[in-house]
């Protein structure tokens, strides 16, 4: 579910994902953090979890996302899009271009007004060509009825 976790983070959801992790530790972590649990493991899906659980049977991450959004009737606020690090889940923050100068290509510094950074892993984010591609992918999985606000451009 690694790619699904990235999609959920891109949507702004606080998403814990770690591999490998055994079932007992996963259940314990999810319960202690108060997290809803998503799994593809039918043995795990048969167990109870105090904050809810969904068994996903599809292999395709966008189909998994569509199932979650529709099945839980989520209302996703577009203000949260692209506000978390897709790798480590930390909320990103705007970074001054001068502070990013030694880590970003000059073209990025010249063409982007806003650059964000993960305070944990220091990965940089900006609205490059991947931004529109990701939005297009997300639109295939999420109905407009499940969107709060306007889809970003």
N, C-alpha and C. Protein backbone atom coordinates (compact mmCIF):
# COMPACT_ATOMS: atom_id res chain seq x y z
N UNK A 1 0.80 -1.20 0.00
CA UNK A 1 0.00 0.00 0.00
C UNK A 1 0.85 1.27 0.00
N UNK A 2 2.11 1.14 -0.36
CA UNK A 2 3.03 2.28 -0.34
C UNK A 2 2.61 3.42 -1.26
N UNK A 3 2.21 3.10 -2.48
CA UNK A 3 1.80 4.15 -3.41
C UNK A 3 0.48 4.77 -2.94
N UNK A 4 -0.41 3.97 -2.41
CA UNK A 4 -1.65 4.50 -1.85
C UNK A 4 -1.33 5.49 -0.73
N UNK A 5 -0.38 5.15 0.14
CA UNK A 5 0.02 6.05 1.23
C UNK A 5 0.50 7.38 0.66
N UNK A 6 1.25 7.35 -0.43
CA UNK A 6 1.71 8.60 -1.05
C UNK A 6 0.53 9.42 -1.57
N UNK A 7 -0.42 8.76 -2.22
CA UNK A 7 -1.61 9.48 -2.69
C UNK A 7 -2.35 10.12 -1.53
N UNK A 8 -2.54 9.39 -0.44
CA UNK A 8 -3.26 9.91 0.72
C UNK A 8 -2.52 11.11 1.32
N UNK A 9 -1.20 11.05 1.36
CA UNK A 9 -0.42 12.18 1.86
C UNK A 9 -0.55 13.38 0.95
N UNK A 10 -0.54 13.15 -0.36
CA UNK A 10 -0.71 14.24 -1.33
C UNK A 10 -2.06 14.92 -1.12
N UNK A 11 -3.06 14.15 -0.74
CA UNK A 11 -4.40 14.70 -0.46
C UNK A 11 -4.46 15.41 0.89
N UNK A 12 -3.42 15.29 1.68
CA UNK A 12 -3.36 15.98 2.97
C UNK A 12 -3.67 15.12 4.17
N UNK A 13 -3.84 13.81 3.97
CA UNK A 13 -4.14 12.91 5.08
C UNK A 13 -2.88 12.51 5.83
N UNK A 14 -2.95 12.57 7.15
CA UNK A 14 -1.87 12.10 8.01
C UNK A 14 -1.85 10.57 7.89
N UNK A 15 -0.84 10.04 7.21
CA UNK A 15 -0.83 8.64 6.81
C UNK A 15 0.44 7.94 7.30
N UNK A 16 0.25 6.97 8.17
CA UNK A 16 1.38 6.18 8.66
C UNK A 16 1.55 4.97 7.76
N UNK A 17 2.78 4.74 7.29
CA UNK A 17 3.08 3.56 6.49
C UNK A 17 4.50 3.16 6.79
N UNK A 18 4.68 1.89 7.11
CA UNK A 18 6.02 1.36 7.35
C UNK A 18 6.05 -0.09 6.92
N UNK A 19 7.08 -0.43 6.19
CA UNK A 19 7.30 -1.81 5.78
C UNK A 19 8.70 -2.21 6.16
N UNK A 20 8.95 -3.39 6.59
CA UNK A 20 7.95 -4.38 7.00
C UNK A 20 7.48 -4.09 8.43
N UNK A 21 6.30 -4.57 8.73
CA UNK A 21 5.76 -4.48 10.08
C UNK A 21 4.84 -5.67 10.29
N UNK A 22 4.99 -6.34 11.41
CA UNK A 22 4.14 -7.51 11.65
C UNK A 22 2.76 -7.05 12.12
N UNK A 23 1.79 -7.95 11.99
CA UNK A 23 0.40 -7.62 12.29
C UNK A 23 0.20 -7.10 13.70
N UNK A 24 0.84 -7.72 14.68
CA UNK A 24 0.65 -7.30 16.07
C UNK A 24 1.12 -5.87 16.28
N UNK A 25 2.30 -5.54 15.74
CA UNK A 25 2.81 -4.17 15.89
C UNK A 25 1.99 -3.17 15.09
N UNK A 26 1.49 -3.57 13.94
CA UNK A 26 0.65 -2.69 13.14
C UNK A 26 -0.64 -2.36 13.89
N UNK A 27 -1.29 -3.37 14.42
CA UNK A 27 -2.53 -3.15 15.18
C UNK A 27 -2.27 -2.29 16.42
N UNK A 28 -1.18 -2.55 17.11
CA UNK A 28 -0.83 -1.80 18.31
C UNK A 28 -0.56 -0.33 17.96
N UNK A 29 0.22 -0.10 16.91
CA UNK A 29 0.54 1.27 16.49
C UNK A 29 -0.71 2.02 16.06
N UNK A 30 -1.54 1.37 15.23
CA UNK A 30 -2.76 2.02 14.76
C UNK A 30 -3.68 2.36 15.92
N UNK A 31 -3.80 1.45 16.89
CA UNK A 31 -4.67 1.70 18.04
C UNK A 31 -4.11 2.81 18.93
N UNK A 32 -2.81 2.78 19.20
CA UNK A 32 -2.24 3.81 20.07
C UNK A 32 -2.24 5.19 19.42
N UNK A 33 -2.19 5.24 18.09
CA UNK A 33 -2.24 6.52 17.37
C UNK A 33 -3.66 6.94 17.01
N UNK A 34 -4.64 6.08 17.28
CA UNK A 34 -6.03 6.39 16.95
C UNK A 34 -6.28 6.44 15.45
N UNK A 35 -5.66 5.51 14.72
CA UNK A 35 -5.74 5.52 13.26
C UNK A 35 -6.70 4.47 12.72
N UNK A 36 -7.41 4.85 11.67
CA UNK A 36 -8.17 3.93 10.85
C UNK A 36 -7.15 3.08 10.11
N UNK A 37 -7.41 1.80 9.94
CA UNK A 37 -6.42 0.90 9.33
C UNK A 37 -6.89 0.43 7.96
N UNK A 38 -5.99 0.54 6.99
CA UNK A 38 -6.21 0.01 5.64
C UNK A 38 -5.27 -1.16 5.46
N UNK A 39 -5.80 -2.26 4.90
CA UNK A 39 -4.97 -3.44 4.73
C UNK A 39 -5.38 -4.22 3.49
N UNK A 40 -4.43 -4.97 2.97
CA UNK A 40 -4.71 -5.93 1.89
C UNK A 40 -4.63 -7.36 2.44
N UNK A 41 -4.28 -7.49 3.69
CA UNK A 41 -4.10 -8.78 4.34
C UNK A 41 -5.46 -9.27 4.86
N UNK A 42 -6.01 -10.31 4.23
CA UNK A 42 -7.34 -10.80 4.61
C UNK A 42 -7.34 -11.36 6.04
N UNK A 43 -6.22 -11.93 6.50
CA UNK A 43 -6.16 -12.41 7.88
C UNK A 43 -6.26 -11.24 8.86
N UNK A 44 -5.58 -10.15 8.54
CA UNK A 44 -5.63 -8.96 9.39
C UNK A 44 -7.00 -8.31 9.29
N UNK A 45 -7.56 -8.29 8.09
CA UNK A 45 -8.88 -7.70 7.87
C UNK A 45 -9.99 -8.38 8.64
N UNK A 46 -9.76 -9.63 9.06
CA UNK A 46 -10.76 -10.38 9.82
C UNK A 46 -10.72 -10.04 11.31
N UNK A 47 -9.68 -9.33 11.73
CA UNK A 47 -9.56 -8.96 13.15
C UNK A 47 -10.32 -7.66 13.42
N UNK A 48 -10.53 -7.37 14.68
CA UNK A 48 -11.21 -6.13 15.03
C UNK A 48 -10.17 -5.06 15.34
N UNK A 49 -10.59 -3.81 15.14
CA UNK A 49 -9.71 -2.68 15.40
C UNK A 49 -10.59 -1.54 15.91
N UNK A 50 -10.22 -0.92 17.02
CA UNK A 50 -11.12 0.05 17.66
C UNK A 50 -11.41 1.31 16.83
N UNK A 51 -10.58 1.64 15.86
CA UNK A 51 -10.80 2.85 15.08
C UNK A 51 -11.23 2.57 13.65
N UNK A 52 -11.59 1.34 13.37
CA UNK A 52 -12.09 0.95 12.06
C UNK A 52 -11.00 0.43 11.15
N UNK A 53 -11.44 -0.39 10.20
CA UNK A 53 -10.50 -1.02 9.28
C UNK A 53 -11.22 -1.28 7.96
N UNK A 54 -10.45 -1.21 6.87
CA UNK A 54 -11.00 -1.52 5.56
C UNK A 54 -10.03 -2.47 4.86
N UNK A 55 -10.58 -3.58 4.37
CA UNK A 55 -9.81 -4.53 3.58
C UNK A 55 -9.89 -4.11 2.12
N UNK A 56 -8.73 -3.90 1.51
CA UNK A 56 -8.66 -3.51 0.10
C UNK A 56 -8.24 -4.73 -0.71
N UNK A 57 -8.99 -5.01 -1.75
CA UNK A 57 -8.70 -6.20 -2.56
C UNK A 57 -8.06 -5.87 -3.90
N UNK A 58 -8.11 -4.62 -4.30
CA UNK A 58 -7.56 -4.23 -5.60
C UNK A 58 -6.06 -4.02 -5.51
N UNK A 59 -5.35 -4.34 -6.59
CA UNK A 59 -3.90 -4.14 -6.65
C UNK A 59 -3.52 -2.73 -7.07
N UNK A 60 -4.39 -2.05 -7.79
CA UNK A 60 -4.11 -0.74 -8.36
C UNK A 60 -4.33 0.36 -7.31
N UNK A 61 -3.30 1.18 -7.04
CA UNK A 61 -3.42 2.21 -6.01
C UNK A 61 -4.56 3.22 -6.25
N UNK A 62 -4.79 3.63 -7.48
CA UNK A 62 -5.89 4.58 -7.72
C UNK A 62 -7.25 3.92 -7.51
N UNK A 63 -7.37 2.65 -7.82
CA UNK A 63 -8.62 1.93 -7.53
C UNK A 63 -8.80 1.77 -6.02
N UNK A 64 -7.71 1.54 -5.31
CA UNK A 64 -7.77 1.47 -3.85
C UNK A 64 -8.25 2.80 -3.28
N UNK A 65 -7.69 3.88 -3.81
CA UNK A 65 -8.08 5.22 -3.36
C UNK A 65 -9.56 5.47 -3.63
N UNK A 66 -10.00 5.12 -4.82
CA UNK A 66 -11.42 5.30 -5.17
C UNK A 66 -12.31 4.52 -4.21
N UNK A 67 -11.93 3.32 -3.87
CA UNK A 67 -12.70 2.47 -2.94
C UNK A 67 -12.79 3.11 -1.56
N UNK A 68 -11.67 3.65 -1.09
CA UNK A 68 -11.64 4.29 0.23
C UNK A 68 -12.53 5.53 0.26
N UNK A 69 -12.36 6.39 -0.74
CA UNK A 69 -13.11 7.64 -0.78
C UNK A 69 -14.61 7.37 -0.88
N UNK A 70 -15.00 6.47 -1.78
CA UNK A 70 -16.42 6.15 -1.94
C UNK A 70 -16.95 5.37 -0.74
N UNK A 71 -16.19 4.36 -0.30
CA UNK A 71 -16.65 3.51 0.80
C UNK A 71 -16.81 4.24 2.11
N UNK A 72 -15.98 5.23 2.36
CA UNK A 72 -16.06 6.00 3.61
C UNK A 72 -16.76 7.34 3.40
N UNK A 73 -17.18 7.58 2.16
CA UNK A 73 -17.81 8.85 1.77
C UNK A 73 -17.02 10.04 2.30
N UNK A 74 -15.71 10.02 2.02
CA UNK A 74 -14.84 11.09 2.47
C UNK A 74 -15.13 12.39 1.74
N UNK A 75 -15.03 13.48 2.44
CA UNK A 75 -15.10 14.82 1.86
C UNK A 75 -13.69 15.40 2.00
N UNK A 76 -13.01 15.51 0.89
CA UNK A 76 -11.59 15.88 0.90
C UNK A 76 -11.44 17.37 0.60
N UNK A 77 -10.87 18.08 1.56
CA UNK A 77 -10.68 19.52 1.43
C UNK A 77 -9.43 19.78 0.57
N UNK A 78 -9.64 20.45 -0.55
CA UNK A 78 -8.52 20.71 -1.47
C UNK A 78 -7.47 21.64 -0.86
N UNK A 79 -7.81 22.34 0.21
CA UNK A 79 -6.82 23.19 0.88
C UNK A 79 -5.70 22.36 1.48
N UNK A 80 -5.95 21.07 1.70
CA UNK A 80 -4.92 20.20 2.26
C UNK A 80 -4.04 19.53 1.22
N UNK A 81 -4.39 19.68 -0.06
CA UNK A 81 -3.59 19.05 -1.12
C UNK A 81 -2.15 19.55 -1.07
N UNK A 82 -1.22 18.64 -1.23
CA UNK A 82 0.21 18.94 -1.34
C UNK A 82 0.74 19.71 -0.12
N UNK A 83 0.25 19.35 1.05
CA UNK A 83 0.72 20.00 2.28
C UNK A 83 1.54 19.06 3.17
N UNK A 84 1.69 17.81 2.73
CA UNK A 84 2.47 16.83 3.49
C UNK A 84 3.58 16.26 2.61
N UNK A 85 4.65 15.85 3.23
CA UNK A 85 5.73 15.17 2.52
C UNK A 85 5.21 13.81 2.08
N UNK A 86 5.34 13.52 0.81
CA UNK A 86 4.83 12.24 0.31
C UNK A 86 5.70 11.07 0.75
N UNK A 87 6.89 11.34 1.22
CA UNK A 87 7.78 10.27 1.70
C UNK A 87 7.62 10.00 3.19
N UNK A 88 7.69 11.06 4.01
CA UNK A 88 7.73 10.81 5.46
C UNK A 88 6.53 11.34 6.22
N UNK A 89 5.57 11.95 5.53
CA UNK A 89 4.29 12.33 6.11
C UNK A 89 4.30 13.64 6.89
N UNK A 90 5.42 14.27 7.09
CA UNK A 90 5.46 15.52 7.85
C UNK A 90 4.79 16.64 7.06
N UNK A 91 4.11 17.57 7.75
CA UNK A 91 3.58 18.73 7.05
C UNK A 91 4.74 19.56 6.47
N UNK A 92 4.58 19.99 5.23
CA UNK A 92 5.63 20.79 4.60
C UNK A 92 5.44 22.25 4.99
N UNK A 93 6.46 23.04 4.73
CA UNK A 93 6.40 24.48 5.01
C UNK A 93 7.09 25.23 3.87
N UNK A 94 6.62 26.44 3.60
CA UNK A 94 7.29 27.23 2.56
C UNK A 94 8.73 27.50 2.96
N UNK A 95 9.59 27.49 1.97
CA UNK A 95 11.01 27.76 2.24
C UNK A 95 11.45 28.91 1.34
N UNK A 96 12.29 29.74 1.87
CA UNK A 96 12.85 30.84 1.10
C UNK A 96 13.72 30.27 -0.02
N UNK A 97 13.60 30.84 -1.20
CA UNK A 97 14.37 30.34 -2.35
C UNK A 97 15.87 30.37 -2.08
N UNK A 98 16.33 31.36 -1.35
CA UNK A 98 17.76 31.44 -1.04
C UNK A 98 18.21 30.24 -0.21
N UNK A 99 17.33 29.78 0.68
CA UNK A 99 17.65 28.63 1.51
C UNK A 99 17.67 27.34 0.70
N UNK A 100 16.97 27.33 -0.43
CA UNK A 100 16.91 26.14 -1.28
C UNK A 100 17.89 26.20 -2.45
N UNK A 101 18.62 27.29 -2.56
CA UNK A 101 19.47 27.53 -3.73
C UNK A 101 20.49 26.43 -3.99
N UNK A 102 21.05 25.87 -2.96
CA UNK A 102 22.07 24.83 -3.17
C UNK A 102 21.47 23.44 -3.35
N UNK A 103 20.12 23.33 -3.29
CA UNK A 103 19.47 22.03 -3.43
C UNK A 103 18.47 21.96 -4.57
N UNK A 104 18.19 23.07 -5.23
CA UNK A 104 17.23 23.08 -6.33
C UNK A 104 17.93 23.57 -7.60
N UNK A 105 17.46 23.08 -8.73
CA UNK A 105 18.01 23.51 -10.01
C UNK A 105 17.72 25.00 -10.21
N UNK A 106 18.63 25.72 -10.85
CA UNK A 106 18.39 27.15 -11.10
C UNK A 106 17.08 27.42 -11.84
N UNK A 107 16.69 26.54 -12.75
CA UNK A 107 15.44 26.72 -13.49
C UNK A 107 14.25 26.72 -12.53
N UNK A 108 14.28 25.84 -11.54
CA UNK A 108 13.20 25.76 -10.55
C UNK A 108 13.14 27.06 -9.74
N UNK A 109 14.30 27.53 -9.33
CA UNK A 109 14.35 28.76 -8.55
C UNK A 109 13.84 29.95 -9.35
N UNK A 110 14.09 29.93 -10.64
CA UNK A 110 13.68 31.03 -11.51
C UNK A 110 12.19 30.98 -11.85
N UNK A 111 11.64 29.78 -12.01
CA UNK A 111 10.27 29.66 -12.52
C UNK A 111 9.20 29.42 -11.46
N UNK A 112 9.59 29.07 -10.26
CA UNK A 112 8.61 28.74 -9.22
C UNK A 112 8.51 29.85 -8.19
N UNK A 113 7.28 30.26 -7.89
CA UNK A 113 7.07 31.28 -6.86
C UNK A 113 7.12 30.68 -5.47
N UNK A 114 6.59 29.45 -5.35
CA UNK A 114 6.50 28.81 -4.03
C UNK A 114 7.25 27.48 -4.06
N UNK A 115 8.15 27.34 -3.13
CA UNK A 115 8.86 26.08 -2.91
C UNK A 115 8.63 25.71 -1.45
N UNK A 116 8.24 24.46 -1.24
CA UNK A 116 8.02 23.98 0.12
C UNK A 116 9.07 22.93 0.45
N UNK A 117 9.24 22.74 1.75
CA UNK A 117 10.25 21.80 2.23
C UNK A 117 9.68 20.96 3.35
N UNK A 118 10.08 19.70 3.38
CA UNK A 118 9.76 18.85 4.51
C UNK A 118 10.78 19.14 5.61
N UNK A 119 10.33 19.49 6.81
CA UNK A 119 11.28 19.80 7.88
C UNK A 119 12.04 18.57 8.39
N UNK A 120 11.52 17.39 8.09
CA UNK A 120 12.16 16.17 8.57
C UNK A 120 13.22 15.66 7.58
N UNK A 121 12.81 15.37 6.35
CA UNK A 121 13.76 14.79 5.39
C UNK A 121 14.36 15.84 4.46
N UNK A 122 13.86 17.08 4.53
CA UNK A 122 14.35 18.23 3.77
C UNK A 122 14.09 18.13 2.27
N UNK A 123 13.20 17.26 1.86
CA UNK A 123 12.83 17.15 0.46
C UNK A 123 12.10 18.43 0.04
N UNK A 124 12.39 18.90 -1.18
CA UNK A 124 11.75 20.10 -1.69
C UNK A 124 10.58 19.75 -2.59
N UNK A 125 9.56 20.61 -2.58
CA UNK A 125 8.36 20.43 -3.40
C UNK A 125 8.02 21.73 -4.11
N UNK A 126 7.55 21.61 -5.35
CA UNK A 126 7.09 22.74 -6.13
C UNK A 126 6.11 22.23 -7.17
N UNK A 127 5.41 23.14 -7.83
CA UNK A 127 4.40 22.76 -8.81
C UNK A 127 5.06 22.57 -10.17
N UNK A 128 5.76 21.46 -10.31
CA UNK A 128 6.39 21.12 -11.58
C UNK A 128 5.42 20.33 -12.46
N UNK A 129 5.95 19.68 -13.48
CA UNK A 129 5.13 18.92 -14.41
C UNK A 129 4.42 17.77 -13.70
N UNK A 130 5.01 17.23 -12.66
CA UNK A 130 4.39 16.14 -11.90
C UNK A 130 3.11 16.60 -11.20
N UNK A 131 3.01 17.85 -10.87
CA UNK A 131 1.85 18.39 -10.15
C UNK A 131 0.56 18.17 -10.95
N UNK A 132 0.55 18.58 -12.21
CA UNK A 132 -0.64 18.42 -13.05
C UNK A 132 -0.92 16.94 -13.29
N UNK A 133 0.11 16.14 -13.50
CA UNK A 133 -0.07 14.71 -13.71
C UNK A 133 -0.72 14.07 -12.49
N UNK A 134 -0.27 14.42 -11.30
CA UNK A 134 -0.86 13.88 -10.07
C UNK A 134 -2.31 14.31 -9.92
N UNK A 135 -2.60 15.56 -10.20
CA UNK A 135 -3.99 16.02 -10.12
C UNK A 135 -4.88 15.25 -11.10
N UNK A 136 -4.39 15.03 -12.31
CA UNK A 136 -5.15 14.27 -13.30
C UNK A 136 -5.40 12.84 -12.81
N UNK A 137 -4.39 12.22 -12.20
CA UNK A 137 -4.56 10.87 -11.66
C UNK A 137 -5.61 10.87 -10.54
N UNK A 138 -5.51 11.83 -9.65
CA UNK A 138 -6.44 11.90 -8.53
C UNK A 138 -7.87 12.13 -9.00
N UNK A 139 -8.05 12.92 -10.04
CA UNK A 139 -9.40 13.17 -10.58
C UNK A 139 -10.04 11.89 -11.11
N UNK A 140 -9.23 10.93 -11.55
CA UNK A 140 -9.81 9.67 -12.04
C UNK A 140 -10.35 8.82 -10.90
N UNK A 141 -9.85 9.04 -9.69
CA UNK A 141 -10.23 8.21 -8.55
C UNK A 141 -11.23 8.87 -7.62
N UNK A 142 -11.34 10.19 -7.69
CA UNK A 142 -12.16 10.91 -6.72
C UNK A 142 -13.26 11.68 -7.44
N UNK A 143 -14.48 11.41 -7.05
CA UNK A 143 -15.63 12.10 -7.61
C UNK A 143 -15.66 13.54 -7.10
N UNK A 144 -16.15 14.44 -7.94
CA UNK A 144 -16.30 15.84 -7.52
C UNK A 144 -17.19 15.96 -6.29
N UNK A 145 -18.10 15.01 -6.10
CA UNK A 145 -18.98 15.03 -4.93
C UNK A 145 -18.21 14.84 -3.63
N UNK A 146 -17.01 14.26 -3.72
CA UNK A 146 -16.19 14.01 -2.55
C UNK A 146 -15.13 15.09 -2.34
N UNK A 147 -15.21 16.15 -3.12
CA UNK A 147 -14.24 17.24 -3.02
C UNK A 147 -14.89 18.43 -2.34
N UNK A 148 -14.18 18.97 -1.36
CA UNK A 148 -14.61 20.19 -0.67
C UNK A 148 -13.69 21.30 -1.18
N UNK A 149 -14.26 22.27 -1.87
CA UNK A 149 -13.46 23.32 -2.49
C UNK A 149 -13.34 23.03 -3.98
N UNK A 150 -12.46 23.76 -4.62
CA UNK A 150 -12.24 23.61 -6.07
C UNK A 150 -10.98 22.78 -6.29
N UNK A 151 -11.02 21.97 -7.35
CA UNK A 151 -9.81 21.27 -7.73
C UNK A 151 -8.74 22.29 -8.07
N UNK A 152 -7.54 22.12 -7.56
CA UNK A 152 -6.46 23.06 -7.91
C UNK A 152 -6.15 23.00 -9.41
N UNK A 153 -5.60 24.06 -9.90
CA UNK A 153 -5.18 24.11 -11.32
C UNK A 153 -3.70 23.86 -11.43
